[in-house]
Amino acid sequence: MLTDIHCHILDGIDDGAKDLQESLEMARIALQHGTHRIVATPHFFEGCITPRDLLQEKVELLQQELDRQEIAVKISTGHEVRLESAAFIQDHLQKESFFYLNAADSFVLLEQRWDRYCPDTEEVLDWFLKRGTTPIIPHPERHFFFRDDPELLSRLIAQGAWTQVSVDSLLGTNGAEAQAFGRQLIERNEVHTLASDAHNIVRKPNLSEGIRLVGEWAGPARVQEITERSHRVVE
């Protein structure tokens, strides 16, 4: 059984599922790929802040419908928190505005901006790590600044961050550069977790396809390490 720690499965929240029916279909697809646990991680950044109570309500409603239709997928709350700045993170930490990836607050999905690397990254990582929270950097293979300077990512990993590579990148859907760097990270053993980052039934929760490629490129032991870490995230 697989755990997907990054998925935009909730409807009407951000740019994920358009309605409840698509959410359910995404869950069916995930189950076909061997995924039984999904963390719902809507975007959290300036201009797109999902209130915790709304997110909790959406998760509960989706879970009720999954149970009613006997779709054996467990949904839990999370956020994909964008590192806008140290001030943004500090403000919302104090307000407890966002969800971590588990109830123990031991992991947080901490996304970089797309246009530039946040210079406050190391400071923010230090904040989280001192609180006992491991920041997980989603889809580093898609960010040009990590591709241009792989050692930048290596330094963040050495500081204590984890990485999460997306399945579509390994499949080439996100472009040749993301695919090549994603494979490079796997071969360098710098991929801690794998997730779908699914948004709909086209950009779908196809986790097993990525697991297959990791097995081909790095062997079964690496697959086991990655899947076990994903399970740990939601414990």
Protein backbone atom coordinates (compact mmCIF):
# COMPACT_ATOMS: atom_id res chain seq x y z
CA MET A 1 0.00 0.00 0.00
CA LEU A 2 1.19 3.49 -0.90
CA THR A 3 0.84 6.88 0.77
CA ASP A 4 0.52 10.05 -1.31
CA ILE A 5 1.67 13.05 0.76
CA HIS A 6 0.95 15.74 -1.88
CA CYS A 7 -2.38 15.78 -3.70
CA HIS A 8 -4.90 18.49 -4.64
CA ILE A 9 -7.87 16.17 -4.35
CA LEU A 10 -10.31 18.53 -2.64
CA ASP A 11 -12.84 20.28 -4.82
CA GLY A 12 -13.51 24.01 -4.91
CA ILE A 13 -10.41 24.90 -2.89
CA ASP A 14 -7.67 25.84 -5.36
CA ASP A 15 -6.73 24.57 -8.82
CA GLY A 16 -7.43 20.96 -7.89
CA ALA A 17 -10.56 18.86 -8.42
CA LYS A 18 -13.41 20.86 -9.93
CA ASP A 19 -16.18 19.08 -8.02
CA LEU A 20 -16.84 16.22 -5.63
CA GLN A 21 -17.29 13.73 -8.47
CA GLU A 22 -13.80 14.47 -9.75
CA SER A 23 -12.43 14.10 -6.21
CA LEU A 24 -14.03 10.65 -6.02
CA GLU A 25 -12.69 9.67 -9.42
CA MET A 26 -9.22 10.79 -8.38
CA ALA A 27 -9.51 8.56 -5.32
CA ARG A 28 -10.55 5.62 -7.52
CA ILE A 29 -7.54 6.19 -9.77
CA ALA A 30 -5.26 6.42 -6.73
CA LEU A 31 -6.62 3.13 -5.42
CA GLN A 32 -5.95 1.49 -8.78
CA HIS A 33 -2.34 2.59 -8.35
CA GLY A 34 -2.15 1.01 -4.90
CA THR A 35 -2.58 4.22 -2.90
CA HIS A 36 -4.68 3.85 0.24
CA ARG A 37 -3.71 7.05 2.06
CA ILE A 38 -3.78 10.60 0.64
CA VAL A 39 -2.89 13.86 2.35
CA ALA A 40 -5.03 16.64 0.88
CA THR A 41 -2.61 19.54 0.38
CA PRO A 42 -4.25 22.64 -1.09
CA HIS A 43 -2.02 25.61 -1.84
CA PHE A 44 -1.27 28.09 0.93
CA PHE A 45 0.24 31.37 -0.22
CA GLU A 46 -0.56 35.07 -0.49
CA GLY A 47 -3.92 35.30 -2.25
CA CYS A 48 -4.72 31.62 -1.75
CA ILE A 49 -5.13 30.86 1.94
CA THR A 50 -7.56 28.06 2.69
CA PRO A 51 -8.99 28.38 6.23
CA ARG A 52 -8.34 25.36 8.40
CA ASP A 53 -11.99 24.86 9.28
CA LEU A 54 -13.05 24.84 5.62
CA LEU A 55 -10.32 22.37 4.75
CA GLN A 56 -11.29 20.11 7.66
CA GLU A 57 -14.92 20.22 6.57
CA LYS A 58 -14.00 19.36 2.97
CA VAL A 59 -11.88 16.42 4.08
CA GLU A 60 -14.64 15.07 6.31
CA LEU A 61 -17.27 15.36 3.58
CA LEU A 62 -15.03 13.63 1.06
CA GLN A 63 -14.19 10.86 3.52
CA GLN A 64 -17.87 10.29 4.25
CA GLU A 65 -18.60 9.88 0.55
CA LEU A 66 -15.58 7.62 0.02
CA ASP A 67 -16.78 5.42 2.86
CA ARG A 68 -20.35 5.42 1.55
CA GLN A 69 -19.16 4.30 -1.89
CA GLU A 70 -16.71 1.82 -0.34
CA ILE A 71 -13.64 3.42 -1.92
CA ALA A 72 -10.89 2.30 0.44
CA VAL A 73 -8.87 5.52 0.57
CA LYS A 74 -8.17 7.48 3.75
CA ILE A 75 -7.94 11.27 3.40
CA SER A 76 -6.19 13.56 5.90
CA THR A 77 -5.51 17.27 6.12
CA GLY A 78 -2.41 19.12 5.01
CA HIS A 79 -1.29 22.21 3.13
CA GLU A 80 1.31 23.01 0.49
CA VAL A 81 2.78 26.07 2.18
CA ARG A 82 4.68 28.46 -0.07
CA LEU A 83 7.79 30.06 1.35
CA GLU A 84 6.84 33.61 0.42
CA SER A 85 9.20 35.05 3.03
CA ALA A 86 10.35 34.49 6.60
CA ALA A 87 7.80 37.07 7.77
CA PHE A 88 4.95 35.27 5.98
CA ILE A 89 5.84 31.92 7.53
CA GLN A 90 6.41 33.38 11.00
CA ASP A 91 3.08 35.21 10.91
CA HIS A 92 1.12 32.11 9.95
CA LEU A 93 3.07 29.91 12.36
CA GLN A 94 1.94 32.17 15.19
CA LYS A 95 -1.64 32.19 13.92
CA GLU A 96 -1.58 28.39 13.35
CA SER A 97 -3.13 29.10 9.96
CA PHE A 98 -1.95 26.03 8.06
CA PHE A 99 -1.99 22.28 8.49
CA TYR A 100 1.12 20.18 8.81
CA LEU A 101 1.20 16.76 7.15
CA ASN A 102 0.28 14.89 10.30
CA ALA A 103 -1.34 15.46 13.67
CA ALA A 104 2.03 15.52 15.45
CA ASP A 105 3.16 18.53 13.34
CA SER A 106 6.38 16.66 12.58
CA PHE A 107 6.36 17.30 8.81
CA VAL A 108 5.38 20.31 6.70
CA LEU A 109 5.22 20.64 2.91
CA LEU A 110 7.22 23.82 2.22
CA GLU A 111 7.16 24.98 -1.39
CA GLN A 112 9.49 27.46 -3.08
CA ARG A 113 8.25 30.30 -5.26
CA TRP A 114 8.41 29.65 -9.00
CA ASP A 115 10.11 32.87 -10.06
CA ARG A 116 13.02 32.87 -7.61
CA TYR A 117 14.64 31.06 -4.71
CA CYS A 118 13.60 32.47 -1.34
CA PRO A 119 16.70 33.88 0.41
CA ASP A 120 15.05 33.21 3.79
CA THR A 121 14.92 29.46 3.18
CA GLU A 122 17.70 28.37 5.54
CA GLU A 123 16.37 30.61 8.32
CA VAL A 124 12.86 29.17 7.96
CA LEU A 125 14.15 25.60 7.82
CA ASP A 126 16.00 26.26 11.05
CA TRP A 127 12.78 27.51 12.70
CA PHE A 128 10.90 24.36 11.77
CA LEU A 129 13.72 21.98 12.63
CA LYS A 130 14.10 23.52 16.09
CA ARG A 131 10.36 22.92 16.61
CA GLY A 132 10.81 19.23 15.74
CA THR A 133 9.27 19.63 12.30
CA THR A 134 10.96 18.30 9.16
CA PRO A 135 10.30 20.54 6.13
CA ILE A 136 9.67 18.60 2.92
CA ILE A 137 10.53 20.47 -0.29
CA PRO A 138 8.01 19.52 -2.99
CA HIS A 139 8.99 19.03 -6.64
CA PRO A 140 12.55 20.50 -6.47
CA GLU A 141 13.18 19.01 -9.92
CA ARG A 142 10.73 21.55 -11.38
CA HIS A 143 12.54 24.63 -10.00
CA PHE A 144 15.14 26.11 -12.33
CA PHE A 145 17.35 27.38 -9.48
CA PHE A 146 17.80 23.87 -8.07
CA ARG A 147 18.53 22.50 -11.54
CA ASP A 148 21.06 25.28 -12.15
CA ASP A 149 22.70 24.76 -8.76
CA PRO A 150 22.10 21.22 -7.46
CA GLU A 151 24.41 21.86 -4.53
CA LEU A 152 21.93 24.44 -3.25
CA LEU A 153 19.42 21.64 -2.76
CA SER A 154 22.10 19.37 -1.32
CA ARG A 155 22.88 21.99 1.34
CA LEU A 156 19.22 22.18 2.35
CA ILE A 157 19.12 18.40 2.64
CA ALA A 158 22.27 18.48 4.77
CA GLN A 159 20.55 21.06 6.99
CA GLY A 160 17.75 18.56 7.61
CA ALA A 161 15.13 19.10 4.89
CA TRP A 162 13.55 16.24 2.95
CA THR A 163 12.59 16.29 -0.71
CA GLN A 164 9.49 15.12 -2.56
CA VAL A 165 9.81 14.42 -6.27
CA SER A 166 6.64 14.25 -8.37
CA VAL A 167 5.67 11.26 -10.50
CA ASP A 168 4.79 13.33 -13.58
CA SER A 169 8.33 14.74 -13.60
CA LEU A 170 9.82 11.25 -13.76
CA LEU A 171 7.41 10.39 -16.58
CA GLY A 172 8.53 13.44 -18.58
CA THR A 173 5.18 15.23 -18.34
CA ASN A 174 6.82 18.27 -16.72
CA GLY A 175 9.51 18.53 -19.39
CA ALA A 176 12.84 16.93 -20.20
CA GLU A 177 14.81 19.08 -17.75
CA ALA A 178 12.60 18.14 -14.79
CA GLN A 179 12.72 14.49 -15.81
CA ALA A 180 16.51 14.46 -16.08
CA PHE A 181 17.02 16.23 -12.77
CA GLY A 182 14.44 14.05 -11.04
CA ARG A 183 16.32 10.96 -12.17
CA GLN A 184 19.60 12.54 -11.11
CA LEU A 185 18.22 13.16 -7.63
CA ILE A 186 17.10 9.54 -7.38
CA GLU A 187 20.51 8.29 -8.48
CA ARG A 188 22.17 10.66 -5.96
CA ASN A 189 19.86 9.30 -3.23
CA GLU A 190 18.44 12.77 -2.63
CA VAL A 191 14.78 11.82 -2.98
CA HIS A 192 13.19 11.19 0.38
CA THR A 193 9.58 10.85 -0.76
CA LEU A 194 7.59 10.49 -3.97
CA ALA A 195 4.11 11.95 -4.51
CA SER A 196 1.65 12.54 -7.30
CA ASP A 197 0.94 16.27 -6.88
CA ALA A 198 -2.27 15.32 -8.69
CA HIS A 199 -4.77 18.06 -9.51
CA ASN A 200 -7.47 16.27 -11.51
CA ILE A 201 -8.18 13.08 -13.48
CA VAL A 202 -5.69 14.08 -16.20
CA ARG A 203 -2.93 15.21 -13.87
CA LYS A 204 -3.83 12.16 -11.89
CA PRO A 205 -2.69 10.34 -8.71
CA ASN A 206 -0.48 7.81 -10.48
CA LEU A 207 1.96 7.05 -7.69
CA SER A 208 2.75 3.47 -8.71
CA GLU A 209 4.16 4.64 -12.06
CA GLY A 210 6.79 6.66 -10.25
CA ILE A 211 7.53 3.82 -7.86
CA ARG A 212 8.14 1.57 -10.87
CA LEU A 213 10.69 4.00 -12.31
CA VAL A 214 12.50 4.36 -8.98
CA GLY A 215 12.79 0.58 -8.91
CA GLU A 216 14.20 0.50 -12.44
CA TRP A 217 16.71 3.27 -11.78
CA ALA A 218 17.75 2.62 -8.18
CA GLY A 219 16.52 -0.83 -7.18
CA PRO A 220 13.96 -2.30 -4.75
CA ALA A 221 15.80 -1.18 -1.61
CA ARG A 222 15.41 2.47 -2.64
CA VAL A 223 11.72 1.91 -3.35
CA GLN A 224 11.25 0.50 0.14
CA GLU A 225 13.07 3.44 1.74
CA ILE A 226 10.94 5.98 -0.12
CA THR A 227 7.62 4.27 0.56
CA GLU A 228 8.44 3.76 4.24
CA ARG A 229 9.31 7.44 4.64
CA SER A 230 5.97 8.43 3.11
CA HIS A 231 4.18 6.21 5.62
CA ARG A 232 6.18 7.83 8.45
CA VAL A 233 5.05 11.29 7.33
CA VAL A 234 1.39 10.56 8.09
CA GLU A 235 1.93 8.63 11.34
